[in-house]
Amino acid sequence: MSPLTAKAIQSKETVARILTASTQLFVAHGYHGTSIAAIAKATGLTKGALYAHFSSKEDLLLTLIKKFEVEFLDQLISEVQEAKGGALDKLQHYFNFAAIFAEENRELCLLATIISAEFSGADHDRFDSEFRRIYFKYARFLRRIVEVGKLQGVIDPDVDTHTVAYTIIAFHDGVLLQWQRSRDVLEGPLFVKTFRQLLFHGIEMKKG
């Protein structure tokens, strides 16, 4: 292995370590409550070494926001679109994917929920606009499924598509936060199953 290749691999591993540590700190203390010094300490780096990879704390958070969009949302959209079946099948696939992803990437999901709330209507337009863009993309994807479900006669045509999409996101984010708070008394799979049952009974087209 050449020195250049080894250096590149080491740099990639360092970036991953910085992203992991910063995610944990942002979730635990919020963006404003986390300093570059704290992130550097958690990764065992000097502030100068950290700045060699990220120009600022803002740059670091923007990277994490993009990571959430690419690894969760874009992959979710891709997998659900390719899933077989009708609208309800695709919603089931959505919940399955989201549950598995949250189990394996809990803090990244919590980061999006917690930090988006921290900057909602706050003084940092760039973060707020990025989260708004991502959540609009998220809702647009869900709106399409709901509209197809209405056409297929499996989702109540009287429910407002736009509101349903954002309600599903709100349920998902709320379930994630409650699971974080109550992991010692909640069984994850059963919690997600109950969430799905409550949601589907509310939007499914009534038969007969």
N, C-alpha and C. Protein backbone atom coordinates (compact mmCIF):
# COMPACT_ATOMS: atom_id res chain seq x y z
N MET A 1 0.85 -1.19 0.00
CA MET A 1 0.00 0.00 0.00
C MET A 1 0.88 1.24 0.00
N SER A 2 0.65 2.16 -0.90
CA SER A 2 1.47 3.36 -0.99
C SER A 2 1.15 4.29 0.16
N PRO A 3 2.13 5.17 0.55
CA PRO A 3 1.89 6.14 1.63
C PRO A 3 0.70 7.03 1.35
N LEU A 4 0.49 7.41 0.09
CA LEU A 4 -0.62 8.28 -0.27
C LEU A 4 -1.96 7.60 -0.01
N THR A 5 -2.04 6.33 -0.40
CA THR A 5 -3.27 5.58 -0.17
C THR A 5 -3.53 5.40 1.32
N ALA A 6 -2.52 5.09 2.07
CA ALA A 6 -2.65 4.93 3.51
C ALA A 6 -3.10 6.23 4.16
N LYS A 7 -2.56 7.34 3.69
CA LYS A 7 -2.93 8.65 4.23
C LYS A 7 -4.39 8.96 3.92
N ALA A 8 -4.83 8.61 2.70
CA ALA A 8 -6.21 8.87 2.31
C ALA A 8 -7.17 8.05 3.16
N ILE A 9 -6.80 6.80 3.43
CA ILE A 9 -7.65 5.93 4.26
C ILE A 9 -7.71 6.47 5.68
N GLN A 10 -6.57 6.91 6.19
CA GLN A 10 -6.54 7.47 7.54
C GLN A 10 -7.40 8.72 7.63
N SER A 11 -7.35 9.55 6.58
CA SER A 11 -8.16 10.77 6.56
C SER A 11 -9.64 10.43 6.56
N LYS A 12 -10.03 9.43 5.78
CA LYS A 12 -11.43 9.01 5.72
C LYS A 12 -11.90 8.49 7.07
N GLU A 13 -11.06 7.73 7.74
CA GLU A 13 -11.41 7.21 9.06
C GLU A 13 -11.53 8.33 10.08
N THR A 14 -10.67 9.34 9.96
CA THR A 14 -10.72 10.48 10.88
C THR A 14 -12.01 11.27 10.68
N VAL A 15 -12.38 11.49 9.43
CA VAL A 15 -13.63 12.20 9.12
C VAL A 15 -14.82 11.43 9.71
N ALA A 16 -14.83 10.12 9.54
CA ALA A 16 -15.92 9.30 10.08
C ALA A 16 -15.98 9.43 11.60
N ARG A 17 -14.82 9.45 12.24
CA ARG A 17 -14.76 9.59 13.70
C ARG A 17 -15.29 10.95 14.15
N ILE A 18 -14.95 11.98 13.41
CA ILE A 18 -15.43 13.33 13.72
C ILE A 18 -16.94 13.40 13.57
N LEU A 19 -17.47 12.82 12.50
CA LEU A 19 -18.91 12.86 12.26
C LEU A 19 -19.67 12.08 13.33
N THR A 20 -19.14 10.94 13.73
CA THR A 20 -19.79 10.15 14.78
C THR A 20 -19.81 10.91 16.10
N ALA A 21 -18.67 11.47 16.48
CA ALA A 21 -18.58 12.19 17.75
C ALA A 21 -19.46 13.44 17.75
N SER A 22 -19.45 14.17 16.65
CA SER A 22 -20.25 15.40 16.59
C SER A 22 -21.75 15.08 16.60
N THR A 23 -22.14 13.99 15.95
CA THR A 23 -23.55 13.58 15.99
C THR A 23 -23.98 13.30 17.41
N GLN A 24 -23.17 12.55 18.14
CA GLN A 24 -23.50 12.22 19.53
C GLN A 24 -23.59 13.47 20.39
N LEU A 25 -22.68 14.40 20.19
CA LEU A 25 -22.67 15.63 20.99
C LEU A 25 -23.83 16.55 20.63
N PHE A 26 -24.12 16.68 19.35
CA PHE A 26 -25.24 17.53 18.93
C PHE A 26 -26.56 16.98 19.46
N VAL A 27 -26.71 15.66 19.45
CA VAL A 27 -27.93 15.04 19.97
C VAL A 27 -28.04 15.26 21.47
N ALA A 28 -26.94 15.12 22.17
CA ALA A 28 -26.95 15.23 23.63
C ALA A 28 -27.07 16.68 24.11
N HIS A 29 -26.43 17.62 23.41
CA HIS A 29 -26.34 18.99 23.91
C HIS A 29 -26.89 20.05 22.96
N GLY A 30 -27.31 19.64 21.76
CA GLY A 30 -27.77 20.62 20.78
C GLY A 30 -26.59 21.26 20.05
N TYR A 31 -26.90 21.95 18.98
CA TYR A 31 -25.84 22.62 18.20
C TYR A 31 -25.19 23.73 19.02
N HIS A 32 -26.01 24.57 19.62
CA HIS A 32 -25.46 25.71 20.38
C HIS A 32 -24.72 25.26 21.64
N GLY A 33 -25.10 24.11 22.16
CA GLY A 33 -24.46 23.64 23.38
C GLY A 33 -23.21 22.81 23.14
N THR A 34 -22.82 22.67 21.88
CA THR A 34 -21.63 21.88 21.53
C THR A 34 -20.57 22.78 20.92
N SER A 35 -19.37 22.71 21.44
CA SER A 35 -18.27 23.52 20.93
C SER A 35 -17.33 22.68 20.07
N ILE A 36 -16.57 23.37 19.24
CA ILE A 36 -15.54 22.69 18.45
C ILE A 36 -14.53 22.03 19.38
N ALA A 37 -14.23 22.69 20.49
CA ALA A 37 -13.28 22.13 21.46
C ALA A 37 -13.79 20.79 22.00
N ALA A 38 -15.11 20.71 22.27
CA ALA A 38 -15.69 19.48 22.79
C ALA A 38 -15.62 18.36 21.74
N ILE A 39 -15.87 18.72 20.48
CA ILE A 39 -15.80 17.71 19.41
C ILE A 39 -14.37 17.23 19.24
N ALA A 40 -13.42 18.16 19.26
CA ALA A 40 -12.02 17.79 19.13
C ALA A 40 -11.59 16.86 20.27
N LYS A 41 -12.02 17.18 21.48
CA LYS A 41 -11.67 16.35 22.63
C LYS A 41 -12.26 14.95 22.49
N ALA A 42 -13.51 14.87 22.02
CA ALA A 42 -14.17 13.57 21.88
C ALA A 42 -13.51 12.70 20.82
N THR A 43 -12.88 13.32 19.85
CA THR A 43 -12.23 12.56 18.78
C THR A 43 -10.73 12.38 19.01
N GLY A 44 -10.22 12.98 20.08
CA GLY A 44 -8.80 12.87 20.36
C GLY A 44 -7.93 13.69 19.42
N LEU A 45 -8.52 14.75 18.85
CA LEU A 45 -7.78 15.61 17.92
C LEU A 45 -7.57 16.99 18.51
N THR A 46 -6.63 17.72 17.96
CA THR A 46 -6.51 19.13 18.28
C THR A 46 -7.54 19.89 17.45
N LYS A 47 -7.85 21.10 17.86
CA LYS A 47 -8.79 21.91 17.07
C LYS A 47 -8.22 22.15 15.67
N GLY A 48 -6.91 22.33 15.58
CA GLY A 48 -6.27 22.55 14.29
C GLY A 48 -6.44 21.35 13.37
N ALA A 49 -6.30 20.14 13.95
CA ALA A 49 -6.45 18.92 13.15
C ALA A 49 -7.89 18.76 12.69
N LEU A 50 -8.84 19.14 13.55
CA LEU A 50 -10.24 19.05 13.17
C LEU A 50 -10.55 20.03 12.03
N TYR A 51 -9.99 21.25 12.14
CA TYR A 51 -10.22 22.26 11.10
C TYR A 51 -9.58 21.87 9.76
N ALA A 52 -8.67 20.93 9.79
CA ALA A 52 -8.09 20.45 8.54
C ALA A 52 -9.10 19.65 7.72
N HIS A 53 -10.15 19.17 8.41
CA HIS A 53 -11.18 18.38 7.73
C HIS A 53 -12.49 19.15 7.56
N PHE A 54 -12.80 20.03 8.51
CA PHE A 54 -14.03 20.83 8.44
C PHE A 54 -13.68 22.28 8.79
N SER A 55 -14.15 23.18 7.96
CA SER A 55 -13.76 24.59 8.12
C SER A 55 -14.40 25.26 9.33
N SER A 56 -15.51 24.70 9.80
CA SER A 56 -16.24 25.32 10.92
C SER A 56 -17.25 24.34 11.49
N LYS A 57 -17.83 24.72 12.62
CA LYS A 57 -18.90 23.90 13.20
C LYS A 57 -20.11 23.90 12.27
N GLU A 58 -20.34 25.01 11.59
CA GLU A 58 -21.43 25.09 10.61
C GLU A 58 -21.22 24.11 9.47
N ASP A 59 -20.00 24.05 8.96
CA ASP A 59 -19.66 23.11 7.89
C ASP A 59 -19.89 21.68 8.34
N LEU A 60 -19.56 21.40 9.57
CA LEU A 60 -19.74 20.05 10.13
C LEU A 60 -21.21 19.67 10.19
N LEU A 61 -22.05 20.58 10.68
CA LEU A 61 -23.48 20.27 10.77
C LEU A 61 -24.10 20.13 9.38
N LEU A 62 -23.71 20.99 8.45
CA LEU A 62 -24.23 20.89 7.09
C LEU A 62 -23.86 19.55 6.46
N THR A 63 -22.67 19.05 6.77
CA THR A 63 -22.25 17.73 6.28
C THR A 63 -23.14 16.64 6.86
N LEU A 64 -23.48 16.76 8.14
CA LEU A 64 -24.34 15.77 8.78
C LEU A 64 -25.77 15.83 8.25
N ILE A 65 -26.25 17.03 7.96
CA ILE A 65 -27.58 17.16 7.37
C ILE A 65 -27.62 16.47 6.01
N LYS A 66 -26.58 16.68 5.22
CA LYS A 66 -26.49 16.03 3.91
C LYS A 66 -26.39 14.52 4.07
N LYS A 67 -25.66 14.08 5.07
CA LYS A 67 -25.51 12.64 5.34
C LYS A 67 -26.88 12.03 5.63
N PHE A 68 -27.69 12.71 6.43
CA PHE A 68 -29.03 12.23 6.73
C PHE A 68 -29.88 12.16 5.46
N GLU A 69 -29.79 13.19 4.63
CA GLU A 69 -30.58 13.20 3.40
C GLU A 69 -30.19 12.05 2.47
N VAL A 70 -28.90 11.85 2.29
CA VAL A 70 -28.42 10.83 1.33
C VAL A 70 -28.63 9.42 1.87
N GLU A 71 -28.25 9.20 3.12
CA GLU A 71 -28.27 7.84 3.66
C GLU A 71 -29.66 7.38 4.09
N PHE A 72 -30.46 8.32 4.60
CA PHE A 72 -31.81 7.93 5.00
C PHE A 72 -32.84 8.25 3.92
N LEU A 73 -33.05 9.53 3.63
CA LEU A 73 -34.17 9.91 2.78
C LEU A 73 -34.03 9.41 1.34
N ASP A 74 -32.88 9.65 0.72
CA ASP A 74 -32.71 9.22 -0.66
C ASP A 74 -32.79 7.70 -0.80
N GLN A 75 -32.20 6.99 0.14
CA GLN A 75 -32.26 5.53 0.10
C GLN A 75 -33.68 5.03 0.36
N LEU A 76 -34.38 5.69 1.29
CA LEU A 76 -35.77 5.35 1.58
C LEU A 76 -36.63 5.51 0.34
N ILE A 77 -36.53 6.65 -0.32
CA ILE A 77 -37.32 6.92 -1.52
C ILE A 77 -37.03 5.88 -2.59
N SER A 78 -35.75 5.58 -2.80
CA SER A 78 -35.37 4.62 -3.81
C SER A 78 -35.95 3.24 -3.53
N GLU A 79 -35.82 2.78 -2.29
CA GLU A 79 -36.28 1.43 -1.95
C GLU A 79 -37.80 1.31 -1.99
N VAL A 80 -38.50 2.34 -1.51
CA VAL A 80 -39.96 2.28 -1.50
C VAL A 80 -40.51 2.35 -2.92
N GLN A 81 -39.91 3.17 -3.77
CA GLN A 81 -40.36 3.25 -5.16
C GLN A 81 -40.18 1.93 -5.88
N GLU A 82 -39.14 1.18 -5.55
CA GLU A 82 -38.87 -0.10 -6.20
C GLU A 82 -39.67 -1.25 -5.59
N ALA A 83 -40.24 -1.02 -4.41
CA ALA A 83 -41.00 -2.08 -3.74
C ALA A 83 -42.26 -2.42 -4.52
N LYS A 84 -42.58 -3.70 -4.55
CA LYS A 84 -43.77 -4.16 -5.26
C LYS A 84 -45.02 -3.91 -4.41
N GLY A 85 -46.18 -3.88 -5.10
CA GLY A 85 -47.44 -3.73 -4.39
C GLY A 85 -48.03 -2.35 -4.54
N GLY A 86 -49.18 -2.18 -3.88
CA GLY A 86 -49.90 -0.92 -3.95
C GLY A 86 -49.42 0.08 -2.91
N ALA A 87 -50.23 1.13 -2.71
CA ALA A 87 -49.84 2.22 -1.82
C ALA A 87 -49.65 1.75 -0.38
N LEU A 88 -50.55 0.91 0.12
CA LEU A 88 -50.41 0.44 1.50
C LEU A 88 -49.18 -0.45 1.67
N ASP A 89 -48.87 -1.23 0.65
CA ASP A 89 -47.65 -2.05 0.69
C ASP A 89 -46.41 -1.15 0.76
N LYS A 90 -46.44 -0.07 -0.01
CA LYS A 90 -45.31 0.84 -0.03
C LYS A 90 -45.18 1.58 1.30
N LEU A 91 -46.31 1.92 1.92
CA LEU A 91 -46.25 2.55 3.24
C LEU A 91 -45.70 1.57 4.27
N GLN A 92 -46.10 0.31 4.17
CA GLN A 92 -45.54 -0.71 5.08
C GLN A 92 -44.03 -0.82 4.87
N HIS A 93 -43.60 -0.77 3.61
CA HIS A 93 -42.17 -0.84 3.32
C HIS A 93 -41.46 0.38 3.89
N TYR A 94 -42.10 1.52 3.79
CA TYR A 94 -41.54 2.75 4.38
C TYR A 94 -41.31 2.58 5.88
N PHE A 95 -42.32 2.09 6.58
CA PHE A 95 -42.20 1.94 8.03
C PHE A 95 -41.12 0.91 8.38
N ASN A 96 -41.05 -0.17 7.61
CA ASN A 96 -40.03 -1.18 7.87
C ASN A 96 -38.63 -0.62 7.69
N PHE A 97 -38.44 0.10 6.57
CA PHE A 97 -37.13 0.68 6.30
C PHE A 97 -36.77 1.69 7.39
N ALA A 98 -37.71 2.58 7.72
CA ALA A 98 -37.44 3.62 8.71
C ALA A 98 -37.11 3.02 10.07
N ALA A 99 -37.81 1.95 10.44
CA ALA A 99 -37.57 1.32 11.74
C ALA A 99 -36.18 0.68 11.80
N ILE A 100 -35.81 -0.03 10.72
CA ILE A 100 -34.50 -0.68 10.68
C ILE A 100 -33.39 0.37 10.66
N PHE A 101 -33.58 1.42 9.85
CA PHE A 101 -32.56 2.46 9.76
C PHE A 101 -32.38 3.15 11.12
N ALA A 102 -33.50 3.45 11.78
CA ALA A 102 -33.42 4.11 13.09
C ALA A 102 -32.73 3.23 14.13
N GLU A 103 -32.98 1.92 14.04
CA GLU A 103 -32.33 0.99 14.96
C GLU A 103 -30.82 0.99 14.77
N GLU A 104 -30.39 1.08 13.50
CA GLU A 104 -28.96 1.00 13.19
C GLU A 104 -28.29 2.37 13.19
N ASN A 105 -29.06 3.44 13.06
CA ASN A 105 -28.50 4.80 12.96
C ASN A 105 -29.31 5.77 13.82
N ARG A 106 -29.55 5.34 15.05
CA ARG A 106 -30.44 6.07 15.95
C ARG A 106 -30.05 7.54 16.09
N GLU A 107 -28.77 7.80 16.32
CA GLU A 107 -28.37 9.18 16.60
C GLU A 107 -28.44 10.08 15.37
N LEU A 108 -28.20 9.53 14.19
CA LEU A 108 -28.33 10.33 12.97
C LEU A 108 -29.78 10.74 12.78
N CYS A 109 -30.71 9.83 13.03
CA CYS A 109 -32.14 10.16 12.92
C CYS A 109 -32.54 11.18 13.98
N LEU A 110 -32.07 10.98 15.20
CA LEU A 110 -32.37 11.93 16.27
C LEU A 110 -31.78 13.30 15.97
N LEU A 111 -30.62 13.32 15.35
CA LEU A 111 -29.98 14.59 15.00
C LEU A 111 -30.92 15.42 14.13
N ALA A 112 -31.47 14.81 13.08
CA ALA A 112 -32.36 15.54 12.18
C ALA A 112 -33.57 16.07 12.93
N THR A 113 -34.14 15.24 13.79
CA THR A 113 -35.34 15.66 14.54
C THR A 113 -35.03 16.76 15.54
N ILE A 114 -33.98 16.57 16.32
CA ILE A 114 -33.65 17.51 17.39
C ILE A 114 -33.12 18.83 16.84
N ILE A 115 -32.18 18.77 15.91
CA ILE A 115 -31.56 20.00 15.41
C ILE A 115 -32.51 20.78 14.52
N SER A 116 -33.36 20.10 13.76
CA SER A 116 -34.34 20.82 12.94
C SER A 116 -35.28 21.62 13.84
N ALA A 117 -35.63 21.06 15.00
CA ALA A 117 -36.48 21.78 15.95
C ALA A 117 -35.71 22.95 16.58
N GLU A 118 -34.43 22.75 16.84
CA GLU A 118 -33.61 23.81 17.44
C GLU A 118 -33.53 25.03 16.53
N PHE A 119 -33.51 24.81 15.23
CA PHE A 119 -33.34 25.93 14.29
C PHE A 119 -34.63 26.35 13.60
N SER A 120 -35.75 25.75 13.97
CA SER A 120 -37.01 26.12 13.34
C SER A 120 -37.36 27.57 13.68
N GLY A 121 -37.37 28.42 12.66
CA GLY A 121 -37.69 29.83 12.86
C GLY A 121 -36.63 30.59 13.63
N ALA A 122 -35.43 29.99 13.75
CA ALA A 122 -34.37 30.62 14.54
C ALA A 122 -33.53 31.56 13.68
N ASP A 123 -32.39 31.95 14.23
CA ASP A 123 -31.59 33.01 13.60
C ASP A 123 -30.58 32.48 12.60
N HIS A 124 -30.64 31.22 12.25
CA HIS A 124 -29.69 30.69 11.28
C HIS A 124 -30.47 30.19 10.07
N ASP A 125 -30.65 31.08 9.11
CA ASP A 125 -31.50 30.78 7.96
C ASP A 125 -31.00 29.59 7.15
N ARG A 126 -29.68 29.40 7.09
CA ARG A 126 -29.14 28.34 6.24
C ARG A 126 -29.52 26.97 6.76
N PHE A 127 -29.41 26.75 8.05
CA PHE A 127 -29.81 25.46 8.61
C PHE A 127 -31.31 25.26 8.47
N ASP A 128 -32.08 26.27 8.81
CA ASP A 128 -33.53 26.16 8.74
C ASP A 128 -33.98 25.88 7.30
N SER A 129 -33.40 26.56 6.34
CA SER A 129 -33.79 26.36 4.94
C SER A 129 -33.40 24.97 4.44
N GLU A 130 -32.26 24.45 4.91
CA GLU A 130 -31.85 23.10 4.52
C GLU A 130 -32.82 22.06 5.06
N PHE A 131 -33.20 22.20 6.32
CA PHE A 131 -34.15 21.25 6.89
C PHE A 131 -35.51 21.37 6.22
N ARG A 132 -35.94 22.59 5.92
CA ARG A 132 -37.21 22.78 5.23
C ARG A 132 -37.19 22.10 3.86
N ARG A 133 -36.08 22.25 3.15
CA ARG A 133 -35.94 21.63 1.84
C ARG A 133 -36.03 20.11 1.94
N ILE A 134 -35.33 19.54 2.91
CA ILE A 134 -35.31 18.09 3.07
C ILE A 134 -36.68 17.56 3.48
N TYR A 135 -37.32 18.24 4.43
CA TYR A 135 -38.63 17.77 4.88
C TYR A 135 -39.71 17.98 3.83
N PHE A 136 -39.56 19.01 2.98
CA PHE A 136 -40.49 19.18 1.86
C PHE A 136 -40.33 18.01 0.88
N LYS A 137 -39.10 17.63 0.61
CA LYS A 137 -38.81 16.48 -0.25
C LYS A 137 -39.40 15.20 0.34
N TYR A 138 -39.25 15.04 1.63
CA TYR A 138 -39.79 13.91 2.39
C TYR A 138 -41.31 13.86 2.24
N ALA A 139 -41.96 15.01 2.47
CA ALA A 139 -43.42 15.07 2.41
C ALA A 139 -43.94 14.87 0.99
N ARG A 140 -43.22 15.39 0.00
CA ARG A 140 -43.63 15.23 -1.40
C ARG A 140 -43.65 13.75 -1.78
N PHE A 141 -42.66 13.02 -1.32
CA PHE A 141 -42.58 11.57 -1.56
C PHE A 141 -43.77 10.86 -0.95
N LEU A 142 -44.13 11.22 0.29
CA LEU A 142 -45.27 10.59 0.96
C LEU A 142 -46.59 11.01 0.34
N ARG A 143 -46.68 12.26 -0.12
CA ARG A 143 -47.90 12.72 -0.76
C ARG A 143 -48.24 11.88 -2.00
N ARG A 144 -47.20 11.55 -2.76
CA ARG A 144 -47.41 10.75 -3.97
C ARG A 144 -48.01 9.39 -3.62
N ILE A 145 -47.51 8.77 -2.54
CA ILE A 145 -48.03 7.47 -2.13
C ILE A 145 -49.49 7.59 -1.68
N VAL A 146 -49.79 8.62 -0.91
CA VAL A 146 -51.16 8.82 -0.43
C VAL A 146 -52.11 9.04 -1.60
N GLU A 147 -51.69 9.84 -2.58
CA GLU A 147 -52.55 10.09 -3.74
C GLU A 147 -52.81 8.81 -4.53
N VAL A 148 -51.78 7.99 -4.69
CA VAL A 148 -51.96 6.70 -5.37
C VAL A 148 -52.93 5.84 -4.57
N GLY A 149 -52.79 5.85 -3.25
CA GLY A 149 -53.68 5.07 -2.40
C GLY A 149 -55.14 5.50 -2.54
N LYS A 150 -55.36 6.78 -2.71
CA LYS A 150 -56.72 7.27 -2.93
C LYS A 150 -57.27 6.74 -4.26
N LEU A 151 -56.42 6.80 -5.29
CA LEU A 151 -56.85 6.32 -6.61
C LEU A 151 -57.12 4.81 -6.59
N GLN A 152 -56.37 4.09 -5.76
CA GLN A 152 -56.55 2.64 -5.65
C GLN A 152 -57.72 2.26 -4.75
N GLY A 153 -58.29 3.26 -4.08
CA GLY A 153 -59.43 3.00 -3.22
C GLY A 153 -59.07 2.37 -1.88
N VAL A 154 -57.82 2.54 -1.45
CA VAL A 154 -57.40 1.94 -0.18
C VAL A 154 -57.12 3.00 0.90
N ILE A 155 -57.11 4.27 0.51
CA ILE A 155 -56.93 5.37 1.46
C ILE A 155 -58.14 6.29 1.33
N ASP A 156 -58.65 6.70 2.47
CA ASP A 156 -59.84 7.56 2.53
C ASP A 156 -59.65 8.79 1.65
N PRO A 157 -60.51 8.99 0.65
CA PRO A 157 -60.36 10.12 -0.26
C PRO A 157 -60.62 11.47 0.41
N ASP A 158 -61.24 11.45 1.59
CA ASP A 158 -61.57 12.71 2.26
C ASP A 158 -60.42 13.27 3.09
N VAL A 159 -59.37 12.46 3.35
CA VAL A 159 -58.25 12.99 4.14
C VAL A 159 -57.43 13.93 3.26
N ASP A 160 -56.87 14.96 3.85
CA ASP A 160 -56.06 15.92 3.11
C ASP A 160 -54.67 15.35 2.89
N THR A 161 -54.30 15.18 1.63
CA THR A 161 -53.03 14.52 1.28
C THR A 161 -51.83 15.23 1.88
N HIS A 162 -51.77 16.53 1.76
CA HIS A 162 -50.65 17.32 2.27
C HIS A 162 -50.50 17.13 3.79
N THR A 163 -51.63 17.23 4.49
CA THR A 163 -51.60 17.11 5.95
C THR A 163 -51.23 15.70 6.38
N VAL A 164 -51.74 14.70 5.66
CA VAL A 164 -51.42 13.31 6.00
C VAL A 164 -49.92 13.07 5.88
N ALA A 165 -49.30 13.59 4.81
CA ALA A 165 -47.86 13.39 4.61
C ALA A 165 -47.07 13.95 5.79
N TYR A 166 -47.37 15.17 6.19
CA TYR A 166 -46.64 15.77 7.30
C TYR A 166 -47.00 15.12 8.64
N THR A 167 -48.22 14.59 8.74
CA THR A 167 -48.60 13.89 9.97
C THR A 167 -47.81 12.59 10.11
N ILE A 168 -47.60 11.88 9.01
CA ILE A 168 -46.80 10.66 9.05
C ILE A 168 -45.38 10.98 9.51
N ILE A 169 -44.81 12.06 8.97
CA ILE A 169 -43.46 12.48 9.40
C ILE A 169 -43.47 12.84 10.87
N ALA A 170 -44.50 13.56 11.30
CA ALA A 170 -44.58 13.97 12.71
C ALA A 170 -44.68 12.76 13.62
N PHE A 171 -45.51 11.78 13.23
CA PHE A 171 -45.62 10.53 13.99
C PHE A 171 -44.26 9.86 14.08
N HIS A 172 -43.58 9.76 12.94
CA HIS A 172 -42.29 9.08 12.90
C HIS A 172 -41.28 9.77 13.82
N ASP A 173 -41.19 11.10 13.73
CA ASP A 173 -40.24 11.84 14.56
C ASP A 173 -40.62 11.72 16.04
N GLY A 174 -41.92 11.78 16.33
CA GLY A 174 -42.36 11.67 17.72
C GLY A 174 -42.09 10.30 18.30
N VAL A 175 -42.32 9.27 17.50
CA VAL A 175 -42.04 7.90 17.94
C VAL A 175 -40.55 7.74 18.22
N LEU A 176 -39.72 8.31 17.35
CA LEU A 176 -38.28 8.22 17.53
C LEU A 176 -37.84 8.88 18.84
N LEU A 177 -38.38 10.07 19.12
CA LEU A 177 -38.03 10.78 20.35
C LEU A 177 -38.51 10.03 21.59
N GLN A 178 -39.73 9.50 21.52
CA GLN A 178 -40.26 8.76 22.67
C GLN A 178 -39.48 7.47 22.90
N TRP A 179 -39.08 6.84 21.83
CA TRP A 179 -38.27 5.62 21.96
C TRP A 179 -36.94 5.95 22.61
N GLN A 180 -36.36 7.08 22.26
CA GLN A 180 -35.10 7.51 22.87
C GLN A 180 -35.28 7.74 24.37
N ARG A 181 -36.39 8.38 24.72
CA ARG A 181 -36.63 8.69 26.14
C ARG A 181 -36.97 7.46 26.96
N SER A 182 -37.62 6.48 26.33
CA SER A 182 -38.19 5.36 27.09
C SER A 182 -37.70 4.00 26.62
N ARG A 183 -36.48 3.92 26.15
CA ARG A 183 -35.97 2.65 25.61
C ARG A 183 -35.94 1.55 26.66
N ASP A 184 -35.84 1.93 27.93
CA ASP A 184 -35.77 0.91 28.97
C ASP A 184 -37.13 0.29 29.27
N VAL A 185 -38.22 0.92 28.82
CA VAL A 185 -39.55 0.37 29.10
C VAL A 185 -40.33 0.06 27.82
N LEU A 186 -39.74 0.32 26.65
CA LEU A 186 -40.43 0.07 25.39
C LEU A 186 -39.69 -0.98 24.57
N GLU A 187 -40.46 -1.89 23.99
CA GLU A 187 -39.90 -2.87 23.07
C GLU A 187 -40.02 -2.28 21.66
N GLY A 188 -38.88 -2.00 21.03
CA GLY A 188 -38.85 -1.31 19.76
C GLY A 188 -39.79 -1.84 18.69
N PRO A 189 -39.71 -3.13 18.32
CA PRO A 189 -40.58 -3.67 17.27
C PRO A 189 -42.06 -3.53 17.59
N LEU A 190 -42.45 -3.76 18.84
CA LEU A 190 -43.85 -3.65 19.24
C LEU A 190 -44.30 -2.18 19.18
N PHE A 191 -43.43 -1.27 19.57
CA PHE A 191 -43.73 0.15 19.54
C PHE A 191 -44.01 0.60 18.10
N VAL A 192 -43.15 0.17 17.17
CA VAL A 192 -43.32 0.53 15.76
C VAL A 192 -44.59 -0.11 15.20
N LYS A 193 -44.85 -1.37 15.55
CA LYS A 193 -46.05 -2.06 15.08
C LYS A 193 -47.31 -1.34 15.54
N THR A 194 -47.32 -0.90 16.80
CA THR A 194 -48.47 -0.18 17.34
C THR A 194 -48.67 1.15 16.62
N PHE A 195 -47.58 1.84 16.34
CA PHE A 195 -47.63 3.09 15.59
C PHE A 195 -48.26 2.87 14.22
N ARG A 196 -47.84 1.81 13.53
CA ARG A 196 -48.39 1.50 12.21
C ARG A 196 -49.89 1.22 12.28
N GLN A 197 -50.29 0.44 13.28
CA GLN A 197 -51.70 0.09 13.42
C GLN A 197 -52.56 1.33 13.64
N LEU A 198 -52.10 2.23 14.50
CA LEU A 198 -52.85 3.45 14.78
C LEU A 198 -52.97 4.32 13.55
N LEU A 199 -51.88 4.42 12.79
CA LEU A 199 -51.91 5.26 11.61
C LEU A 199 -52.80 4.67 10.52
N PHE A 200 -52.64 3.39 10.22
CA PHE A 200 -53.38 2.78 9.13
C PHE A 200 -54.88 2.77 9.39
N HIS A 201 -55.29 2.55 10.61
CA HIS A 201 -56.73 2.54 10.91
C HIS A 201 -57.33 3.92 10.73
N GLY A 202 -56.47 4.93 10.76
CA GLY A 202 -56.98 6.29 10.59
C GLY A 202 -57.13 6.72 9.15
N ILE A 203 -56.30 6.17 8.24
CA ILE A 203 -56.33 6.64 6.85
C ILE A 203 -56.84 5.60 5.85
N GLU A 204 -56.98 4.35 6.30
CA GLU A 204 -57.48 3.32 5.37
C GLU A 204 -58.92 3.59 4.97
N MET A 205 -59.23 3.26 3.73
CA MET A 205 -60.60 3.39 3.23
C MET A 205 -61.47 2.38 3.95
N LYS A 206 -62.58 2.84 4.54
CA LYS A 206 -63.48 1.94 5.24
C LYS A 206 -64.25 1.10 4.24
N LYS A 207 -64.34 -0.20 4.51
CA LYS A 207 -65.03 -1.12 3.61
C LYS A 207 -66.49 -1.26 4.04
N GLY A 208 -67.35 -1.45 3.04
CA GLY A 208 -68.76 -1.70 3.32
C GLY A 208 -69.58 -0.44 3.53
